[in-house]
Amino acid sequence: MIFADTDILSALAKVGRLPLLFALFRITRLQIAPGVFKEIAHSVTLGRAYAADILALISTAQVEVISLTPDETLFCDTLPSSLGAGERESIAIARERKGTVLSNESRVAHYCRQYQIACVRLPDILRSLWVEGVTSKQEVQALVADLQSEDKMQFRQSTLDAIFAD
């Protein structure tokens, strides 16, 4: 199971590239935690069009909201409150169900490593898109430019070098 955090979903939705996740991971459905759903729903109430695009994927079952089991809730409650609810829930569910977390937060990646949970960050996703042949290197360069302009995302030069290294 692939559990997407709000940051990955919103960034790719803002630039109209959310379908690339399905192609890259060769899946027809992504999972999200209830906290991620609440964050997206809140963004809809703020009038953010990209969030409505994500909610539309829930209505077509391409994105599935996964409820926590009692054990997952107990583990979730042990994670620091400095993580958002969606982040804590995603980590807890992925740990119990042997899933993968998609997040661009270094804190999320840290806790995933600590609990031996697979975590894929945005630079790894971007690199994999062209390395795995889902899209071209040039299209990923355009995607990065769109993320920088539309999502105000900043990349260190070393990160860009790693994404595009031959």
Foldseek 3Di string as FASTA:
>chain_A
DEEEALVVQLLCLLLVRVCLVCVLVVHQAYEFEPQRLVVLVVVVVVVDVSSVVVVVCVVVRNYYYDYDDPQLVVQLVVDDVVDGSRLSSSLSVCLVVVYEYEEQDVVSVVVCVVSVHHYDYDLNSLLSCCVVPVDHVVVSVVSVVCSCPRVVDDDDVVSVCVSNPD
